[in-house]
C-alpha atoms as a PDB file:
ATOM      1  CA  UNK A   1      26.585  17.609   4.903  1.00  0.00           C
ATOM      2  CA  UNK A   2      30.079  18.894   4.351  1.00  0.00           C
ATOM      3  CA  UNK A   3      32.806  16.297   4.657  1.00  0.00           C
ATOM      4  CA  UNK A   4      35.179  16.752   7.533  1.00  0.00           C
ATOM      5  CA  UNK A   5      38.557  15.112   7.817  1.00  0.00           C
ATOM      6  CA  UNK A   6      38.920  12.899  10.873  1.00  0.00           C
ATOM      7  CA  UNK A   7      42.089  13.307  12.888  1.00  0.00           C
ATOM      8  CA  UNK A   8      44.780  11.036  11.459  1.00  0.00           C
ATOM      9  CA  UNK A   9      42.432   9.847   8.658  1.00  0.00           C
ATOM     10  CA  UNK A  10      43.023  10.082   4.947  1.00  0.00           C
ATOM     11  CA  UNK A  11      39.296  10.038   4.009  1.00  0.00           C
ATOM     12  CA  UNK A  12      36.647  12.566   5.030  1.00  0.00           C
ATOM     13  CA  UNK A  13      33.886  11.709   7.538  1.00  0.00           C
ATOM     14  CA  UNK A  14      30.414  12.027   6.123  1.00  0.00           C
ATOM     15  CA  UNK A  15      27.449  12.773   8.394  1.00  0.00           C
ATOM     16  CA  UNK A  16      24.468  10.783   7.084  1.00  0.00           C
ATOM     17  CA  UNK A  17      22.156  11.503  10.019  1.00  0.00           C
ATOM     18  CA  UNK A  18      20.345  14.497   8.521  1.00  0.00           C
ATOM     19  CA  UNK A  19      19.579  12.936   5.089  1.00  0.00           C
ATOM     20  CA  UNK A  20      18.519   9.687   6.768  1.00  0.00           C
ATOM     21  CA  UNK A  21      16.118  11.508   9.091  1.00  0.00           C
ATOM     22  CA  UNK A  22      14.744  13.515   6.146  1.00  0.00           C
ATOM     23  CA  UNK A  23      14.325  10.365   4.024  1.00  0.00           C
ATOM     24  CA  UNK A  24      12.523   8.615   6.850  1.00  0.00           C
ATOM     25  CA  UNK A  25      10.182  11.612   7.264  1.00  0.00           C
ATOM     26  CA  UNK A  26       9.315  11.480   3.546  1.00  0.00           C
ATOM     27  CA  UNK A  27       8.766   7.712   3.798  1.00  0.00           C
ATOM     28  CA  UNK A  28       6.370   8.232   6.707  1.00  0.00           C
ATOM     29  CA  UNK A  29       4.399  10.866   4.780  1.00  0.00           C
ATOM     30  CA  UNK A  30       3.937   8.349   1.949  1.00  0.00           C
ATOM     31  CA  UNK A  31       2.755   5.701   4.453  1.00  0.00           C
ATOM     32  CA  UNK A  32       0.268   8.092   6.009  1.00  0.00           C
ATOM     33  CA  UNK A  33      -1.065   9.144   2.610  1.00  0.00           C
ATOM     34  CA  UNK A  34      -1.734   5.536   1.669  1.00  0.00           C
ATOM     35  CA  UNK A  35      -3.327   4.668   4.989  1.00  0.00           C
ATOM     36  CA  UNK A  36      -5.460   7.806   5.060  1.00  0.00           C
ATOM     37  CA  UNK A  37      -7.325   6.688   1.975  1.00  0.00           C
ATOM     38  CA  UNK A  38      -7.727   2.998   2.808  1.00  0.00           C
ATOM     39  CA  UNK A  39      -7.304   2.720  -0.920  1.00  0.00           C
ATOM     40  CA  UNK A  40      -7.345  -1.003  -1.500  1.00  0.00           C
ATOM     41  CA  UNK A  41     -10.816  -1.677  -0.120  1.00  0.00           C
ATOM     42  CA  UNK A  42     -12.377   1.342  -1.829  1.00  0.00           C
ATOM     43  CA  UNK A  43     -10.845   0.447  -5.203  1.00  0.00           C
ATOM     44  CA  UNK A  44     -12.080  -3.135  -4.839  1.00  0.00           C
ATOM     45  CA  UNK A  45     -15.603  -1.906  -4.120  1.00  0.00           C
ATOM     46  CA  UNK A  46     -15.505   0.375  -7.149  1.00  0.00           C
ATOM     47  CA  UNK A  47     -14.357  -2.518  -9.332  1.00  0.00           C
ATOM     48  CA  UNK A  48     -16.948  -4.895  -7.891  1.00  0.00           C
ATOM     49  CA  UNK A  49     -19.845  -2.502  -8.409  1.00  0.00           C
ATOM     50  CA  UNK A  50     -18.750  -1.761 -11.984  1.00  0.00           C
ATOM     51  CA  UNK A  51     -18.424  -5.451 -12.859  1.00  0.00           C
ATOM     52  CA  UNK A  52     -21.362  -6.846 -10.874  1.00  0.00           C
ATOM     53  CA  UNK A  53     -24.216  -4.380 -10.606  1.00  0.00           C
ATOM     54  CA  UNK A  54     -26.664  -6.748  -8.890  1.00  0.00           C
ATOM     55  CA  UNK A  55     -24.343  -8.563  -6.463  1.00  0.00           C
ATOM     56  CA  UNK A  56     -24.178  -7.939  -2.747  1.00  0.00           C
ATOM     57  CA  UNK A  57     -20.870  -6.257  -1.953  1.00  0.00           C
ATOM     58  CA  UNK A  58     -19.103  -5.491   1.332  1.00  0.00           C
ATOM     59  CA  UNK A  59     -19.888  -2.079   2.821  1.00  0.00           C
ATOM     60  CA  UNK A  60     -17.724   0.998   2.456  1.00  0.00           C
ATOM     61  CA  UNK A  61     -15.903   2.222   5.498  1.00  0.00           C
ATOM     62  CA  UNK A  62     -15.086   5.639   6.858  1.00  0.00           C
ATOM     63  CA  UNK A  63     -11.286   5.944   6.748  1.00  0.00           C
ATOM     64  CA  UNK A  64     -11.360   8.429   9.631  1.00  0.00           C
ATOM     65  CA  UNK A  65     -13.316   6.140  11.950  1.00  0.00           C
ATOM     66  CA  UNK A  66     -12.495   2.579  10.884  1.00  0.00           C
ATOM     67  CA  UNK A  67     -10.479   0.416  13.246  1.00  0.00           C
ATOM     68  CA  UNK A  68      -7.718  -1.872  12.072  1.00  0.00           C
ATOM     69  CA  UNK A  69      -9.954  -4.882  12.803  1.00  0.00           C
ATOM     70  CA  UNK A  70     -12.771  -3.430  10.676  1.00  0.00           C
ATOM     71  CA  UNK A  71     -10.387  -2.689   7.798  1.00  0.00           C
ATOM     72  CA  UNK A  72      -8.955  -6.207   7.932  1.00  0.00           C
ATOM     73  CA  UNK A  73     -12.416  -7.804   7.991  1.00  0.00           C
ATOM     74  CA  UNK A  74     -13.661  -5.708   5.073  1.00  0.00           C
ATOM     75  CA  UNK A  75     -10.501  -6.357   3.057  1.00  0.00           C
ATOM     76  CA  UNK A  76     -11.043 -10.085   3.587  1.00  0.00           C
ATOM     77  CA  UNK A  77     -14.696  -9.782   2.522  1.00  0.00           C
ATOM     78  CA  UNK A  78     -13.852  -7.747  -0.583  1.00  0.00           C
ATOM     79  CA  UNK A  79     -11.075 -10.213  -1.459  1.00  0.00           C
ATOM     80  CA  UNK A  80     -13.614 -13.056  -1.384  1.00  0.00           C
ATOM     81  CA  UNK A  81     -15.966 -11.095  -3.637  1.00  0.00           C
ATOM     82  CA  UNK A  82     -13.151 -10.258  -6.052  1.00  0.00           C
ATOM     83  CA  UNK A  83     -11.929 -13.861  -6.125  1.00  0.00           C
ATOM     84  CA  UNK A  84     -15.285 -15.131  -7.339  1.00  0.00           C
ATOM     85  CA  UNK A  85     -15.733 -12.343  -9.835  1.00  0.00           C
ATOM     86  CA  UNK A  86     -12.232 -12.178 -11.229  1.00  0.00           C
ATOM     87  CA  UNK A  87     -12.058 -15.810 -12.306  1.00  0.00           C
ATOM     88  CA  UNK A  88     -15.211 -15.542 -14.373  1.00  0.00           C
ATOM     89  CA  UNK A  89     -14.220 -12.142 -15.723  1.00  0.00           C
ATOM     90  CA  UNK A  90     -10.751 -13.264 -16.750  1.00  0.00           C
ATOM     91  CA  UNK A  91     -12.053 -16.381 -18.469  1.00  0.00           C
ATOM     92  CA  UNK A  92     -14.596 -14.317 -20.409  1.00  0.00           C
ATOM     93  CA  UNK A  93     -11.981 -11.669 -21.223  1.00  0.00           C
ATOM     94  CA  UNK A  94      -9.440 -14.208 -22.492  1.00  0.00           C
ATOM     95  CA  UNK A  95     -12.114 -16.015 -24.503  1.00  0.00           C
ATOM     96  CA  UNK A  96     -13.130 -12.742 -26.139  1.00  0.00           C
ATOM     97  CA  UNK A  97      -9.543 -12.077 -27.221  1.00  0.00           C
ATOM     98  CA  UNK A  98      -9.034 -15.621 -28.510  1.00  0.00           C
ATOM     99  CA  UNK A  99     -12.091 -15.136 -30.702  1.00  0.00           C
ATOM    100  CA  UNK A 100     -10.835 -11.767 -31.969  1.00  0.00           C
ATOM    101  CA  UNK A 101      -7.406 -13.216 -32.768  1.00  0.00           C
ATOM    102  CA  UNK A 102      -8.979 -16.094 -34.704  1.00  0.00           C
ATOM    103  CA  UNK A 103     -11.250 -13.680 -36.591  1.00  0.00           C
ATOM    104  CA  UNK A 104      -8.402 -11.299 -37.461  1.00  0.00           C
ATOM    105  CA  UNK A 105      -6.220 -14.189 -38.609  1.00  0.00           C
ATOM    106  CA  UNK A 106      -9.029 -15.393 -40.884  1.00  0.00           C
ATOM    107  CA  UNK A 107      -9.597 -11.869 -42.261  1.00  0.00           C
ATOM    108  CA  UNK A 108      -5.870 -11.498 -42.926  1.00  0.00           C
ATOM    109  CA  UNK A 109      -5.948 -14.688 -44.990  1.00  0.00           C
ATOM    110  CA  UNK A 110      -4.046 -16.683 -42.362  1.00  0.00           C
ATOM    111  CA  UNK A 111      -6.742 -18.670 -40.528  1.00  0.00           C
ATOM    112  CA  UNK A 112      -5.677 -20.789 -37.601  1.00  0.00           C
ATOM    113  CA  UNK A 113      -5.560 -24.489 -38.454  1.00  0.00           C
ATOM    114  CA  UNK A 114      -8.836 -26.363 -37.942  1.00  0.00           C
ATOM    115  CA  UNK A 115      -7.306 -28.718 -35.396  1.00  0.00           C
ATOM    116  CA  UNK A 116      -6.165 -25.713 -33.325  1.00  0.00           C
ATOM    117  CA  UNK A 117      -9.572 -24.056 -33.575  1.00  0.00           C
ATOM    118  CA  UNK A 118     -11.341 -27.182 -32.374  1.00  0.00           C
ATOM    119  CA  UNK A 119      -8.652 -27.738 -29.741  1.00  0.00           C
ATOM    120  CA  UNK A 120      -9.532 -24.406 -28.121  1.00  0.00           C
ATOM    121  CA  UNK A 121     -12.786 -26.031 -27.018  1.00  0.00           C
ATOM    122  CA  UNK A 122     -11.202 -29.138 -25.514  1.00  0.00           C
ATOM    123  CA  UNK A 123     -11.454 -27.948 -21.925  1.00  0.00           C
ATOM    124  CA  UNK A 124     -11.687 -31.487 -20.559  1.00  0.00           C
ATOM    125  CA  UNK A 125      -8.381 -32.337 -22.212  1.00  0.00           C
ATOM    126  CA  UNK A 126      -6.752 -29.140 -20.904  1.00  0.00           C
ATOM    127  CA  UNK A 127      -8.131 -29.881 -17.439  1.00  0.00           C
ATOM    128  CA  UNK A 128      -6.483 -33.304 -17.405  1.00  0.00           C
ATOM    129  CA  UNK A 129      -3.228 -31.957 -18.891  1.00  0.00           C
ATOM    130  CA  UNK A 130      -3.094 -29.364 -16.103  1.00  0.00           C
ATOM    131  CA  UNK A 131      -3.140 -32.254 -13.657  1.00  0.00           C
ATOM    132  CA  UNK A 132      -6.584 -31.608 -12.165  1.00  0.00           C
ATOM    133  CA  UNK A 133      -7.998 -35.052 -12.926  1.00  0.00           C
ATOM    134  CA  UNK A 134      -5.487 -36.878 -10.745  1.00  0.00           C
END
């Protein structure tokens, strides 16, 4: 991509065609890599089976044979399964860490105030303050 001076021009002409074509080819390779693995659905299934060993989960698909319609349907099904699981998981996970923080604060001689500790259990109050009771 050597610059060439245009006739009557003070600045060189740069030919960007070759690097643009090369960049697009690299971009397409990345797209094909992602699509060849149908990664999202398979990762969701792995996560679902690790977190919910007895639940009924969407089926796996063969990335070499699956149609776009099949992939879309299975992604929708796995999203529904994740939605139900993730809410419960995140609530349990956050609750676990709140308990650990309170315990560590107490062990460090800096317990959280009693009103705060009791307030953590006021889910009805939090529900209303979040605007859900309206």
